[in-house]
């Protein structure tokens, strides 16, 4: 019999695998460029509504886009067989919660600005 509460140690190596740099293709960089342009367009649009909102939207969207992008690149680096289908699923899974949260916060701020402008000019 074997003691299930004190199992024998698992045969694992103590040396970590060497780190390889994350590889990306020209297509990856092209899509990332498109995302960055969309971030700047969103920031410009927010700037036209309220100048103080523009930098916040720019920083938020760039942070979210880059974080999601590098999460997907890291996943593809670890699972190269999923490059064609897994990349976008991982990217959208990492992007969606941030986009919904920041989108809701931005919509809330724009709504507050519109409400205060309406209250000020309706008198």
PDB file of N, CA and C in Angstrom:
ATOM      1  N   UNK A   1       0.823  -1.190   0.000  1.00  0.00           N
ATOM      2  CA  UNK A   1       0.000   0.000   0.000  1.00  0.00           C
ATOM      3  C   UNK A   1       0.867   1.254   0.000  1.00  0.00           C
ATOM      4  N   UNK A   2       0.265   2.330  -0.481  1.00  0.00           N
ATOM      5  CA  UNK A   2       0.962   3.603  -0.579  1.00  0.00           C
ATOM      6  C   UNK A   2       0.213   4.647   0.234  1.00  0.00           C
ATOM      7  N   UNK A   3       0.940   5.535   0.844  1.00  0.00           N
ATOM      8  CA  UNK A   3       0.324   6.597   1.624  1.00  0.00           C
ATOM      9  C   UNK A   3      -0.120   7.710   0.672  1.00  0.00           C
ATOM     10  N   UNK A   4      -1.436   7.911   0.541  1.00  0.00           N
ATOM     11  CA  UNK A   4      -1.932   8.898  -0.418  1.00  0.00           C
ATOM     12  C   UNK A   4      -1.702  10.324   0.081  1.00  0.00           C
ATOM     13  N   UNK A   5      -1.445  10.482   1.373  1.00  0.00           N
ATOM     14  CA  UNK A   5      -1.215  11.815   1.908  1.00  0.00           C
ATOM     15  C   UNK A   5       0.245  12.238   1.847  1.00  0.00           C
ATOM     16  N   UNK A   6       1.112  11.324   1.497  1.00  0.00           N
ATOM     17  CA  UNK A   6       2.528  11.627   1.366  1.00  0.00           C
ATOM     18  C   UNK A   6       3.063  10.920   0.115  1.00  0.00           C
ATOM     19  N   UNK A   7       2.697  11.414  -1.073  1.00  0.00           N
ATOM     20  CA  UNK A   7       3.117  10.731  -2.299  1.00  0.00           C
ATOM     21  C   UNK A   7       4.607  10.922  -2.550  1.00  0.00           C
ATOM     22  N   UNK A   8       5.186  10.042  -3.345  1.00  0.00           N
ATOM     23  CA  UNK A   8       6.597  10.224  -3.687  1.00  0.00           C
ATOM     24  C   UNK A   8       6.759  11.468  -4.566  1.00  0.00           C
ATOM     25  N   UNK A   9       7.916  12.089  -4.518  1.00  0.00           N
ATOM     26  CA  UNK A   9       8.103  13.302  -5.321  1.00  0.00           C
ATOM     27  C   UNK A   9       8.016  13.008  -6.813  1.00  0.00           C
ATOM     28  N   UNK A  10       7.455  13.961  -7.533  1.00  0.00           N
ATOM     29  CA  UNK A  10       7.325  13.814  -8.983  1.00  0.00           C
ATOM     30  C   UNK A  10       8.683  14.044  -9.628  1.00  0.00           C
ATOM     31  N   UNK A  11       8.975  13.301 -10.689  1.00  0.00           N
ATOM     32  CA  UNK A  11      10.270  13.483 -11.364  1.00  0.00           C
ATOM     33  C   UNK A  11      10.251  14.719 -12.264  1.00  0.00           C
ATOM     34  N   UNK A  12      10.666  15.839 -11.724  1.00  0.00           N
ATOM     35  CA  UNK A  12      10.725  17.073 -12.519  1.00  0.00           C
ATOM     36  C   UNK A  12      12.155  17.591 -12.497  1.00  0.00           C
ATOM     37  N   UNK A  13      12.482  18.315 -13.536  1.00  0.00           N
ATOM     38  CA  UNK A  13      13.817  18.910 -13.585  1.00  0.00           C
ATOM     39  C   UNK A  13      13.796  20.230 -12.823  1.00  0.00           C
ATOM     40  N   UNK A  14      14.885  20.539 -12.210  1.00  0.00           N
ATOM     41  CA  UNK A  14      14.978  21.778 -11.460  1.00  0.00           C
ATOM     42  C   UNK A  14      15.473  22.934 -12.310  1.00  0.00           C
ATOM     43  N   UNK A  15      15.980  22.644 -13.488  1.00  0.00           N
ATOM     44  CA  UNK A  15      16.466  23.681 -14.381  1.00  0.00           C
ATOM     45  C   UNK A  15      15.319  24.188 -15.254  1.00  0.00           C
ATOM     46  N   UNK A  16      15.043  25.491 -15.246  1.00  0.00           N
ATOM     47  CA  UNK A  16      13.979  26.007 -16.120  1.00  0.00           C
ATOM     48  C   UNK A  16      14.400  25.932 -17.587  1.00  0.00           C
ATOM     49  N   UNK A  17      13.395  25.896 -18.446  1.00  0.00           N
ATOM     50  CA  UNK A  17      13.685  25.907 -19.879  1.00  0.00           C
ATOM     51  C   UNK A  17      14.245  27.268 -20.261  1.00  0.00           C
ATOM     52  N   UNK A  18      15.152  27.297 -21.233  1.00  0.00           N
ATOM     53  CA  UNK A  18      15.692  28.596 -21.641  1.00  0.00           C
ATOM     54  C   UNK A  18      14.592  29.445 -22.291  1.00  0.00           C
ATOM     55  N   UNK A  19      14.612  30.721 -21.996  1.00  0.00           N
ATOM     56  CA  UNK A  19      13.611  31.629 -22.555  1.00  0.00           C
ATOM     57  C   UNK A  19      13.971  31.960 -23.994  1.00  0.00           C
ATOM     58  N   UNK A  20      13.003  31.806 -24.849  1.00  0.00           N
ATOM     59  CA  UNK A  20      13.178  32.176 -26.251  1.00  0.00           C
ATOM     60  C   UNK A  20      12.396  33.466 -26.493  1.00  0.00           C
ATOM     61  N   UNK A  21      12.895  34.345 -27.334  1.00  0.00           N
ATOM     62  CA  UNK A  21      12.157  35.581 -27.584  1.00  0.00           C
ATOM     63  C   UNK A  21      10.834  35.291 -28.294  1.00  0.00           C
ATOM     64  N   UNK A  22       9.853  36.110 -27.997  1.00  0.00           N
ATOM     65  CA  UNK A  22       8.549  35.979 -28.640  1.00  0.00           C
ATOM     66  C   UNK A  22       8.697  36.424 -30.087  1.00  0.00           C
ATOM     67  N   UNK A  23       8.242  35.596 -31.000  1.00  0.00           N
ATOM     68  CA  UNK A  23       8.355  35.936 -32.419  1.00  0.00           C
ATOM     69  C   UNK A  23       7.034  36.503 -32.924  1.00  0.00           C
ATOM     70  N   UNK A  24       7.135  37.408 -33.868  1.00  0.00           N
ATOM     71  CA  UNK A  24       5.952  37.991 -34.469  1.00  0.00           C
ATOM     72  C   UNK A  24       6.190  38.128 -35.964  1.00  0.00           C
ATOM     73  N   UNK A  25       5.102  38.170 -36.703  1.00  0.00           N
ATOM     74  CA  UNK A  25       5.180  38.258 -38.153  1.00  0.00           C
ATOM     75  C   UNK A  25       4.853  39.687 -38.605  1.00  0.00           C
ATOM     76  N   UNK A  26       5.039  39.926 -39.865  1.00  0.00           N
ATOM     77  CA  UNK A  26       4.675  41.223 -40.423  1.00  0.00           C
ATOM     78  C   UNK A  26       3.182  41.471 -40.330  1.00  0.00           C
ATOM     79  N   UNK A  27       2.404  40.404 -40.448  1.00  0.00           N
ATOM     80  CA  UNK A  27       0.949  40.531 -40.324  1.00  0.00           C
ATOM     81  C   UNK A  27       0.569  40.953 -38.904  1.00  0.00           C
ATOM     82  N   UNK A  28       1.285  40.406 -37.906  1.00  0.00           N
ATOM     83  CA  UNK A  28       1.032  40.798 -36.517  1.00  0.00           C
ATOM     84  C   UNK A  28       1.290  42.283 -36.314  1.00  0.00           C
ATOM     85  N   UNK A  29       2.388  42.769 -36.863  1.00  0.00           N
ATOM     86  CA  UNK A  29       2.743  44.183 -36.721  1.00  0.00           C
ATOM     87  C   UNK A  29       1.749  45.066 -37.483  1.00  0.00           C
ATOM     88  N   UNK A  30       1.272  44.600 -38.627  1.00  0.00           N
ATOM     89  CA  UNK A  30       0.294  45.382 -39.393  1.00  0.00           C
ATOM     90  C   UNK A  30      -1.015  45.520 -38.613  1.00  0.00           C
ATOM     91  N   UNK A  31      -1.490  44.424 -38.033  1.00  0.00           N
ATOM     92  CA  UNK A  31      -2.726  44.501 -37.253  1.00  0.00           C
ATOM     93  C   UNK A  31      -2.532  45.345 -36.003  1.00  0.00           C
ATOM     94  N   UNK A  32      -1.373  45.257 -35.383  1.00  0.00           N
ATOM     95  CA  UNK A  32      -1.090  46.090 -34.216  1.00  0.00           C
ATOM     96  C   UNK A  32      -1.071  47.564 -34.618  1.00  0.00           C
ATOM     97  N   UNK A  33      -0.537  47.870 -35.778  1.00  0.00           N
ATOM     98  CA  UNK A  33      -0.535  49.255 -36.272  1.00  0.00           C
ATOM     99  C   UNK A  33      -1.955  49.761 -36.480  1.00  0.00           C
ATOM    100  N   UNK A  34      -2.810  48.909 -37.021  1.00  0.00           N
ATOM    101  CA  UNK A  34      -4.217  49.294 -37.212  1.00  0.00           C
ATOM    102  C   UNK A  34      -4.875  49.553 -35.856  1.00  0.00           C
ATOM    103  N   UNK A  35      -4.591  48.709 -34.875  1.00  0.00           N
ATOM    104  CA  UNK A  35      -5.150  48.923 -33.540  1.00  0.00           C
ATOM    105  C   UNK A  35      -4.678  50.239 -32.934  1.00  0.00           C
ATOM    106  N   UNK A  36      -3.420  50.565 -33.120  1.00  0.00           N
ATOM    107  CA  UNK A  36      -2.891  51.814 -32.569  1.00  0.00           C
ATOM    108  C   UNK A  36      -3.527  53.015 -33.251  1.00  0.00           C
ATOM    109  N   UNK A  37      -3.733  52.936 -34.563  1.00  0.00           N
ATOM    110  CA  UNK A  37      -4.416  54.026 -35.272  1.00  0.00           C
ATOM    111  C   UNK A  37      -5.837  54.184 -34.744  1.00  0.00           C
ATOM    112  N   UNK A  38      -6.526  53.062 -34.496  1.00  0.00           N
ATOM    113  CA  UNK A  38      -7.883  53.134 -33.934  1.00  0.00           C
ATOM    114  C   UNK A  38      -7.867  53.755 -32.533  1.00  0.00           C
ATOM    115  N   UNK A  39      -6.826  53.475 -31.762  1.00  0.00           N
ATOM    116  CA  UNK A  39      -6.687  54.087 -30.431  1.00  0.00           C
ATOM    117  C   UNK A  39      -6.548  55.594 -30.552  1.00  0.00           C
ATOM    118  N   UNK A  40      -5.745  56.053 -31.505  1.00  0.00           N
ATOM    119  CA  UNK A  40      -5.569  57.491 -31.696  1.00  0.00           C
ATOM    120  C   UNK A  40      -6.857  58.141 -32.198  1.00  0.00           C
ATOM    121  N   UNK A  41      -7.610  57.443 -33.051  1.00  0.00           N
ATOM    122  CA  UNK A  41      -8.888  57.988 -33.512  1.00  0.00           C
ATOM    123  C   UNK A  41      -9.891  58.102 -32.366  1.00  0.00           C
ATOM    124  N   UNK A  42      -9.930  57.100 -31.493  1.00  0.00           N
ATOM    125  CA  UNK A  42     -10.820  57.160 -30.333  1.00  0.00           C
ATOM    126  C   UNK A  42     -10.413  58.301 -29.407  1.00  0.00           C
ATOM    127  N   UNK A  43      -9.121  58.502 -29.224  1.00  0.00           N
ATOM    128  CA  UNK A  43      -8.653  59.596 -28.370  1.00  0.00           C
ATOM    129  C   UNK A  43      -8.979  60.957 -28.995  1.00  0.00           C
ATOM    130  N   UNK A  44      -8.835  61.057 -30.306  1.00  0.00           N
ATOM    131  CA  UNK A  44      -9.174  62.308 -30.983  1.00  0.00           C
ATOM    132  C   UNK A  44     -10.662  62.604 -30.834  1.00  0.00           C
ATOM    133  N   UNK A  45     -11.498  61.575 -31.014  1.00  0.00           N
ATOM    134  CA  UNK A  45     -12.938  61.755 -30.863  1.00  0.00           C
ATOM    135  C   UNK A  45     -13.277  62.194 -29.438  1.00  0.00           C
ATOM    136  N   UNK A  46     -12.643  61.566 -28.443  1.00  0.00           N
ATOM    137  CA  UNK A  46     -12.879  61.950 -27.051  1.00  0.00           C
ATOM    138  C   UNK A  46     -12.383  63.374 -26.798  1.00  0.00           C
ATOM    139  N   UNK A  47     -11.293  63.753 -27.443  1.00  0.00           N
ATOM    140  CA  UNK A  47     -10.744  65.101 -27.288  1.00  0.00           C
ATOM    141  C   UNK A  47     -11.737  66.151 -27.795  1.00  0.00           C
ATOM    142  N   UNK A  48     -12.467  65.826 -28.888  1.00  0.00           N
ATOM    143  CA  UNK A  48     -13.438  66.785 -29.421  1.00  0.00           C
ATOM    144  C   UNK A  48     -14.609  66.981 -28.466  1.00  0.00           C
ATOM    145  N   UNK A  49     -14.901  65.991 -27.641  1.00  0.00           N
ATOM    146  CA  UNK A  49     -15.984  66.122 -26.671  1.00  0.00           C
ATOM    147  C   UNK A  49     -15.505  66.861 -25.429  1.00  0.00           C
ATOM    148  N   UNK A  50     -14.362  66.446 -24.904  1.00  0.00           N
ATOM    149  CA  UNK A  50     -13.794  67.060 -23.698  1.00  0.00           C
ATOM    150  C   UNK A  50     -12.281  66.908 -23.759  1.00  0.00           C
ATOM    151  N   UNK A  51     -11.527  68.006 -23.776  1.00  0.00           N
ATOM    152  CA  UNK A  51     -10.067  67.909 -23.929  1.00  0.00           C
ATOM    153  C   UNK A  51      -9.360  67.082 -22.857  1.00  0.00           C
ATOM    154  N   UNK A  52      -9.881  67.079 -21.645  1.00  0.00           N
ATOM    155  CA  UNK A  52      -9.213  66.284 -20.603  1.00  0.00           C
ATOM    156  C   UNK A  52      -9.481  64.794 -20.754  1.00  0.00           C
ATOM    157  N   UNK A  53     -10.476  64.450 -21.522  1.00  0.00           N
ATOM    158  CA  UNK A  53     -10.807  63.037 -21.723  1.00  0.00           C
ATOM    159  C   UNK A  53      -9.905  62.391 -22.775  1.00  0.00           C
ATOM    160  N   UNK A  54      -9.371  63.178 -23.693  1.00  0.00           N
ATOM    161  CA  UNK A  54      -8.529  62.647 -24.769  1.00  0.00           C
ATOM    162  C   UNK A  54      -7.312  61.867 -24.286  1.00  0.00           C
ATOM    163  N   UNK A  55      -6.469  62.442 -23.412  1.00  0.00           N
ATOM    164  CA  UNK A  55      -5.300  61.685 -22.942  1.00  0.00           C
ATOM    165  C   UNK A  55      -5.680  60.431 -22.146  1.00  0.00           C
ATOM    166  N   UNK A  56      -6.753  60.503 -21.382  1.00  0.00           N
ATOM    167  CA  UNK A  56      -7.180  59.328 -20.609  1.00  0.00           C
ATOM    168  C   UNK A  56      -7.606  58.200 -21.536  1.00  0.00           C
ATOM    169  N   UNK A  57      -8.350  58.539 -22.574  1.00  0.00           N
ATOM    170  CA  UNK A  57      -8.774  57.524 -23.536  1.00  0.00           C
ATOM    171  C   UNK A  57      -7.572  56.973 -24.283  1.00  0.00           C
ATOM    172  N   UNK A  58      -6.636  57.836 -24.652  1.00  0.00           N
ATOM    173  CA  UNK A  58      -5.450  57.380 -25.365  1.00  0.00           C
ATOM    174  C   UNK A  58      -4.635  56.405 -24.505  1.00  0.00           C
ATOM    175  N   UNK A  59      -4.353  56.786 -23.278  1.00  0.00           N
ATOM    176  CA  UNK A  59      -3.573  55.911 -22.403  1.00  0.00           C
ATOM    177  C   UNK A  59      -4.307  54.599 -22.121  1.00  0.00           C
ATOM    178  N   UNK A  60      -5.594  54.688 -21.850  1.00  0.00           N
ATOM    179  CA  UNK A  60      -6.365  53.486 -21.562  1.00  0.00           C
ATOM    180  C   UNK A  60      -6.436  52.539 -22.745  1.00  0.00           C
ATOM    181  N   UNK A  61      -6.746  53.065 -23.916  1.00  0.00           N
ATOM    182  CA  UNK A  61      -6.874  52.186 -25.083  1.00  0.00           C
ATOM    183  C   UNK A  61      -5.525  51.616 -25.508  1.00  0.00           C
ATOM    184  N   UNK A  62      -4.469  52.415 -25.427  1.00  0.00           N
ATOM    185  CA  UNK A  62      -3.150  51.877 -25.775  1.00  0.00           C
ATOM    186  C   UNK A  62      -2.724  50.786 -24.799  1.00  0.00           C
ATOM    187  N   UNK A  63      -2.940  51.007 -23.509  1.00  0.00           N
ATOM    188  CA  UNK A  63      -2.587  49.999 -22.515  1.00  0.00           C
ATOM    189  C   UNK A  63      -3.353  48.704 -22.757  1.00  0.00           C
ATOM    190  N   UNK A  64      -4.647  48.827 -22.966  1.00  0.00           N
ATOM    191  CA  UNK A  64      -5.482  47.642 -23.166  1.00  0.00           C
ATOM    192  C   UNK A  64      -5.104  46.918 -24.452  1.00  0.00           C
ATOM    193  N   UNK A  65      -4.924  47.656 -25.524  1.00  0.00           N
ATOM    194  CA  UNK A  65      -4.586  47.024 -26.806  1.00  0.00           C
ATOM    195  C   UNK A  65      -3.237  46.320 -26.745  1.00  0.00           C
ATOM    196  N   UNK A  66      -2.239  46.986 -26.201  1.00  0.00           N
ATOM    197  CA  UNK A  66      -0.907  46.374 -26.132  1.00  0.00           C
ATOM    198  C   UNK A  66      -0.893  45.173 -25.195  1.00  0.00           C
ATOM    199  N   UNK A  67      -1.560  45.285 -24.050  1.00  0.00           N
ATOM    200  CA  UNK A  67      -1.593  44.164 -23.110  1.00  0.00           C
ATOM    201  C   UNK A  67      -2.274  42.958 -23.735  1.00  0.00           C
ATOM    202  N   UNK A  68      -3.391  43.186 -24.399  1.00  0.00           N
ATOM    203  CA  UNK A  68      -4.109  42.081 -25.042  1.00  0.00           C
ATOM    204  C   UNK A  68      -3.296  41.494 -26.185  1.00  0.00           C
ATOM    205  N   UNK A  69      -2.646  42.357 -26.924  1.00  0.00           N
ATOM    206  CA  UNK A  69      -1.849  41.904 -28.063  1.00  0.00           C
ATOM    207  C   UNK A  69      -0.695  41.019 -27.611  1.00  0.00           C
ATOM    208  N   UNK A  70       0.023  41.471 -26.591  1.00  0.00           N
ATOM    209  CA  UNK A  70       1.148  40.678 -26.110  1.00  0.00           C
ATOM    210  C   UNK A  70       0.701  39.407 -25.391  1.00  0.00           C
ATOM    211  N   UNK A  71      -0.477  39.415 -24.790  1.00  0.00           N
ATOM    212  CA  UNK A  71      -1.024  38.172 -24.221  1.00  0.00           C
ATOM    213  C   UNK A  71      -1.254  37.153 -25.330  1.00  0.00           C
ATOM    214  N   UNK A  72      -1.827  37.609 -26.438  1.00  0.00           N
ATOM    215  CA  UNK A  72      -2.068  36.701 -27.561  1.00  0.00           C
ATOM    216  C   UNK A  72      -0.758  36.231 -28.183  1.00  0.00           C
ATOM    217  N   UNK A  73       0.221  37.126 -28.321  1.00  0.00           N
ATOM    218  CA  UNK A  73       1.516  36.716 -28.877  1.00  0.00           C
ATOM    219  C   UNK A  73       2.209  35.692 -27.984  1.00  0.00           C
ATOM    220  N   UNK A  74       2.112  35.868 -26.677  1.00  0.00           N
ATOM    221  CA  UNK A  74       2.714  34.906 -25.756  1.00  0.00           C
ATOM    222  C   UNK A  74       2.020  33.560 -25.851  1.00  0.00           C
ATOM    223  N   UNK A  75       0.689  33.566 -25.981  1.00  0.00           N
ATOM    224  CA  UNK A  75      -0.041  32.312 -26.146  1.00  0.00           C
ATOM    225  C   UNK A  75       0.386  31.594 -27.421  1.00  0.00           C
ATOM    226  N   UNK A  76       0.485  32.344 -28.506  1.00  0.00           N
ATOM    227  CA  UNK A  76       0.880  31.740 -29.786  1.00  0.00           C
ATOM    228  C   UNK A  76       2.327  31.249 -29.716  1.00  0.00           C
ATOM    229  N   UNK A  77       3.153  31.951 -28.956  1.00  0.00           N
ATOM    230  CA  UNK A  77       4.545  31.514 -28.799  1.00  0.00           C
ATOM    231  C   UNK A  77       4.604  30.157 -28.090  1.00  0.00           C
ATOM    232  N   UNK A  78       3.742  29.968 -27.103  1.00  0.00           N
ATOM    233  CA  UNK A  78       3.720  28.699 -26.366  1.00  0.00           C
ATOM    234  C   UNK A  78       2.969  27.605 -27.112  1.00  0.00           C
ATOM    235  N   UNK A  79       2.022  27.984 -27.978  1.00  0.00           N
ATOM    236  CA  UNK A  79       1.224  27.020 -28.748  1.00  0.00           C
ATOM    237  C   UNK A  79       1.269  27.410 -30.221  1.00  0.00           C
ATOM    238  N   UNK A  80       2.368  27.120 -30.914  1.00  0.00           N
ATOM    239  CA  UNK A  80       2.489  27.577 -32.303  1.00  0.00           C
ATOM    240  C   UNK A  80       1.451  26.972 -33.243  1.00  0.00           C
ATOM    241  N   UNK A  81       0.895  25.827 -32.895  1.00  0.00           N
ATOM    242  CA  UNK A  81      -0.105  25.214 -33.766  1.00  0.00           C
ATOM    243  C   UNK A  81      -1.399  26.025 -33.795  1.00  0.00           C
ATOM    244  N   UNK A  82      -1.588  26.929 -32.848  1.00  0.00           N
ATOM    245  CA  UNK A  82      -2.822  27.712 -32.773  1.00  0.00           C
ATOM    246  C   UNK A  82      -2.652  29.108 -33.357  1.00  0.00           C
ATOM    247  N   UNK A  83      -1.626  29.332 -34.167  1.00  0.00           N
ATOM    248  CA  UNK A  83      -1.371  30.670 -34.692  1.00  0.00           C
ATOM    249  C   UNK A  83      -2.548  31.213 -35.494  1.00  0.00           C
ATOM    250  N   UNK A  84      -3.144  30.403 -36.355  1.00  0.00           N
ATOM    251  CA  UNK A  84      -4.195  30.926 -37.231  1.00  0.00           C
ATOM    252  C   UNK A  84      -5.518  31.153 -36.509  1.00  0.00           C
ATOM    253  N   UNK A  85      -5.900  30.231 -35.634  1.00  0.00           N
ATOM    254  CA  UNK A  85      -7.213  30.359 -35.000  1.00  0.00           C
ATOM    255  C   UNK A  85      -7.142  30.865 -33.566  1.00  0.00           C
ATOM    256  N   UNK A  86      -6.116  30.488 -32.832  1.00  0.00           N
ATOM    257  CA  UNK A  86      -6.056  30.820 -31.420  1.00  0.00           C
ATOM    258  C   UNK A  86      -5.694  32.253 -31.127  1.00  0.00           C
ATOM    259  N   UNK A  87      -4.956  32.899 -32.014  1.00  0.00           N
ATOM    260  CA  UNK A  87      -4.485  34.255 -31.747  1.00  0.00           C
ATOM    261  C   UNK A  87      -5.644  35.210 -31.496  1.00  0.00           C
ATOM    262  N   UNK A  88      -6.617  35.226 -32.393  1.00  0.00           N
ATOM    263  CA  UNK A  88      -7.717  36.184 -32.264  1.00  0.00           C
ATOM    264  C   UNK A  88      -8.635  35.838 -31.113  1.00  0.00           C
ATOM    265  N   UNK A  89      -8.807  34.552 -30.847  1.00  0.00           N
ATOM    266  CA  UNK A  89      -9.634  34.180 -29.696  1.00  0.00           C
ATOM    267  C   UNK A  89      -8.990  34.655 -28.399  1.00  0.00           C
ATOM    268  N   UNK A  90      -7.696  34.463 -28.267  1.00  0.00           N
ATOM    269  CA  UNK A  90      -7.005  34.906 -27.052  1.00  0.00           C
ATOM    270  C   UNK A  90      -6.996  36.428 -26.978  1.00  0.00           C
ATOM    271  N   UNK A  91      -6.749  37.081 -28.105  1.00  0.00           N
ATOM    272  CA  UNK A  91      -6.735  38.543 -28.122  1.00  0.00           C
ATOM    273  C   UNK A  91      -8.090  39.097 -27.693  1.00  0.00           C
ATOM    274  N   UNK A  92      -9.170  38.570 -28.259  1.00  0.00           N
ATOM    275  CA  UNK A  92     -10.507  39.071 -27.912  1.00  0.00           C
ATOM    276  C   UNK A  92     -10.880  38.720 -26.480  1.00  0.00           C
ATOM    277  N   UNK A  93     -10.441  37.561 -26.004  1.00  0.00           N
ATOM    278  CA  UNK A  93     -10.715  37.195 -24.612  1.00  0.00           C
ATOM    279  C   UNK A  93      -9.984  38.124 -23.648  1.00  0.00           C
ATOM    280  N   UNK A  94      -8.790  38.567 -24.003  1.00  0.00           N
ATOM    281  CA  UNK A  94      -8.052  39.502 -23.155  1.00  0.00           C
ATOM    282  C   UNK A  94      -8.563  40.931 -23.331  1.00  0.00           C
ATOM    283  N   UNK A  95      -9.061  41.252 -24.515  1.00  0.00           N
ATOM    284  CA  UNK A  95      -9.475  42.616 -24.840  1.00  0.00           C
ATOM    285  C   UNK A  95     -10.881  42.943 -24.346  1.00  0.00           C
ATOM    286  N   UNK A  96     -11.783  41.982 -24.417  1.00  0.00           N
ATOM    287  CA  UNK A  96     -13.199  42.243 -24.134  1.00  0.00           C
ATOM    288  C   UNK A  96     -13.459  42.819 -22.738  1.00  0.00           C
ATOM    289  N   UNK A  97     -12.940  42.215 -21.668  1.00  0.00           N
ATOM    290  CA  UNK A  97     -13.241  42.802 -20.351  1.00  0.00           C
ATOM    291  C   UNK A  97     -12.708  44.222 -20.190  1.00  0.00           C
ATOM    292  N   UNK A  98     -11.507  44.471 -20.700  1.00  0.00           N
ATOM    293  CA  UNK A  98     -10.954  45.813 -20.616  1.00  0.00           C
ATOM    294  C   UNK A  98     -11.767  46.792 -21.452  1.00  0.00           C
ATOM    295  N   UNK A  99     -12.107  46.383 -22.665  1.00  0.00           N
ATOM    296  CA  UNK A  99     -12.847  47.280 -23.552  1.00  0.00           C
ATOM    297  C   UNK A  99     -14.219  47.598 -22.977  1.00  0.00           C
ATOM    298  N   UNK A 100     -14.882  46.600 -22.418  1.00  0.00           N
ATOM    299  CA  UNK A 100     -16.197  46.855 -21.826  1.00  0.00           C
ATOM    300  C   UNK A 100     -16.081  47.771 -20.612  1.00  0.00           C
ATOM    301  N   UNK A 101     -15.097  47.517 -19.776  1.00  0.00           N
ATOM    302  CA  UNK A 101     -14.921  48.348 -18.585  1.00  0.00           C
ATOM    303  C   UNK A 101     -14.540  49.777 -18.921  1.00  0.00           C
ATOM    304  N   UNK A 102     -13.546  49.937 -19.791  1.00  0.00           N
ATOM    305  CA  UNK A 102     -13.135  51.294 -20.173  1.00  0.00           C
ATOM    306  C   UNK A 102     -14.197  51.977 -21.026  1.00  0.00           C
ATOM    307  N   UNK A 103     -14.875  51.204 -21.864  1.00  0.00           N
ATOM    308  CA  UNK A 103     -15.954  51.778 -22.667  1.00  0.00           C
ATOM    309  C   UNK A 103     -17.084  52.290 -21.789  1.00  0.00           C
ATOM    310  N   UNK A 104     -17.436  51.511 -20.770  1.00  0.00           N
ATOM    311  CA  UNK A 104     -18.478  51.950 -19.850  1.00  0.00           C
ATOM    312  C   UNK A 104     -18.030  53.183 -19.063  1.00  0.00           C
ATOM    313  N   UNK A 105     -16.780  53.199 -18.621  1.00  0.00           N
ATOM    314  CA  UNK A 105     -16.273  54.362 -17.885  1.00  0.00           C
ATOM    315  C   UNK A 105     -16.238  55.598 -18.774  1.00  0.00           C
ATOM    316  N   UNK A 106     -15.816  55.428 -20.020  1.00  0.00           N
ATOM    317  CA  UNK A 106     -15.774  56.563 -20.944  1.00  0.00           C
ATOM    318  C   UNK A 106     -17.180  57.060 -21.248  1.00  0.00           C
ATOM    319  N   UNK A 107     -18.116  56.139 -21.488  1.00  0.00           N
ATOM    320  CA  UNK A 107     -19.502  56.534 -21.744  1.00  0.00           C
ATOM    321  C   UNK A 107     -20.086  57.256 -20.528  1.00  0.00           C
ATOM    322  N   UNK A 108     -19.748  56.796 -19.330  1.00  0.00           N
ATOM    323  CA  UNK A 108     -20.217  57.449 -18.113  1.00  0.00           C
ATOM    324  C   UNK A 108     -19.682  58.873 -18.020  1.00  0.00           C
ATOM    325  N   UNK A 109     -18.390  59.056 -18.297  1.00  0.00           N
ATOM    326  CA  UNK A 109     -17.804  60.402 -18.235  1.00  0.00           C
ATOM    327  C   UNK A 109     -18.402  61.318 -19.292  1.00  0.00           C
ATOM    328  N   UNK A 110     -18.579  60.809 -20.501  1.00  0.00           N
ATOM    329  CA  UNK A 110     -19.180  61.624 -21.560  1.00  0.00           C
ATOM    330  C   UNK A 110     -20.608  61.993 -21.177  1.00  0.00           C
ATOM    331  N   UNK A 111     -21.322  61.038 -20.596  1.00  0.00           N
ATOM    332  CA  UNK A 111     -22.685  61.319 -20.137  1.00  0.00           C
ATOM    333  C   UNK A 111     -22.717  62.388 -19.054  1.00  0.00           C
ATOM    334  N   UNK A 112     -21.752  62.328 -18.117  1.00  0.00           N
ATOM    335  CA  UNK A 112     -21.691  63.368 -17.083  1.00  0.00           C
ATOM    336  C   UNK A 112     -21.382  64.736 -17.678  1.00  0.00           C
ATOM    337  N   UNK A 113     -20.460  64.779 -18.639  1.00  0.00           N
ATOM    338  CA  UNK A 113     -20.148  66.050 -19.285  1.00  0.00           C
ATOM    339  C   UNK A 113     -21.375  66.584 -20.028  1.00  0.00           C
ATOM    340  N   UNK A 114     -22.078  65.720 -20.731  1.00  0.00           N
ATOM    341  CA  UNK A 114     -23.272  66.151 -21.463  1.00  0.00           C
ATOM    342  C   UNK A 114     -24.355  66.616 -20.497  1.00  0.00           C
ATOM    343  N   UNK A 115     -24.516  65.924 -19.387  1.00  0.00           N
ATOM    344  CA  UNK A 115     -25.532  66.297 -18.399  1.00  0.00           C
ATOM    345  C   UNK A 115     -25.216  67.654 -17.766  1.00  0.00           C
ATOM    346  N   UNK A 116     -23.963  67.872 -17.417  1.00  0.00           N
ATOM    347  CA  UNK A 116     -23.612  69.170 -16.822  1.00  0.00           C
ATOM    348  C   UNK A 116     -23.734  70.303 -17.842  1.00  0.00           C
ATOM    349  N   UNK A 117     -23.396  70.034 -19.094  1.00  0.00           N
ATOM    350  CA  UNK A 117     -23.581  71.064 -20.126  1.00  0.00           C
ATOM    351  C   UNK A 117     -25.066  71.364 -20.319  1.00  0.00           C
ATOM    352  N   UNK A 118     -25.888  70.333 -20.332  1.00  0.00           N
ATOM    353  CA  UNK A 118     -27.332  70.521 -20.502  1.00  0.00           C
ATOM    354  C   UNK A 118     -27.904  71.304 -19.319  1.00  0.00           C
ATOM    355  N   UNK A 119     -27.469  70.970 -18.098  1.00  0.00           N
ATOM    356  CA  UNK A 119     -27.972  71.654 -16.913  1.00  0.00           C
ATOM    357  C   UNK A 119     -27.535  73.127 -16.892  1.00  0.00           C
ATOM    358  N   UNK A 120     -26.332  73.372 -17.367  1.00  0.00           N
ATOM    359  CA  UNK A 120     -25.816  74.738 -17.361  1.00  0.00           C
ATOM    360  C   UNK A 120     -26.521  75.598 -18.404  1.00  0.00           C
ATOM    361  N   UNK A 121     -26.780  75.044 -19.595  1.00  0.00           N
ATOM    362  CA  UNK A 121     -27.369  75.829 -20.672  1.00  0.00           C
ATOM    363  C   UNK A 121     -28.884  75.832 -20.671  1.00  0.00           C
ATOM    364  N   UNK A 122     -29.519  75.009 -19.860  1.00  0.00           N
ATOM    365  CA  UNK A 122     -30.985  74.965 -19.860  1.00  0.00           C
ATOM    366  C   UNK A 122     -31.586  76.012 -18.927  1.00  0.00           C
ATOM    367  N   UNK A 123     -30.767  76.691 -18.153  1.00  0.00           N
ATOM    368  CA  UNK A 123     -31.294  77.714 -17.243  1.00  0.00           C
ATOM    369  C   UNK A 123     -31.695  78.936 -17.965  1.00  0.00           C
TER     370      UNK A 123
END
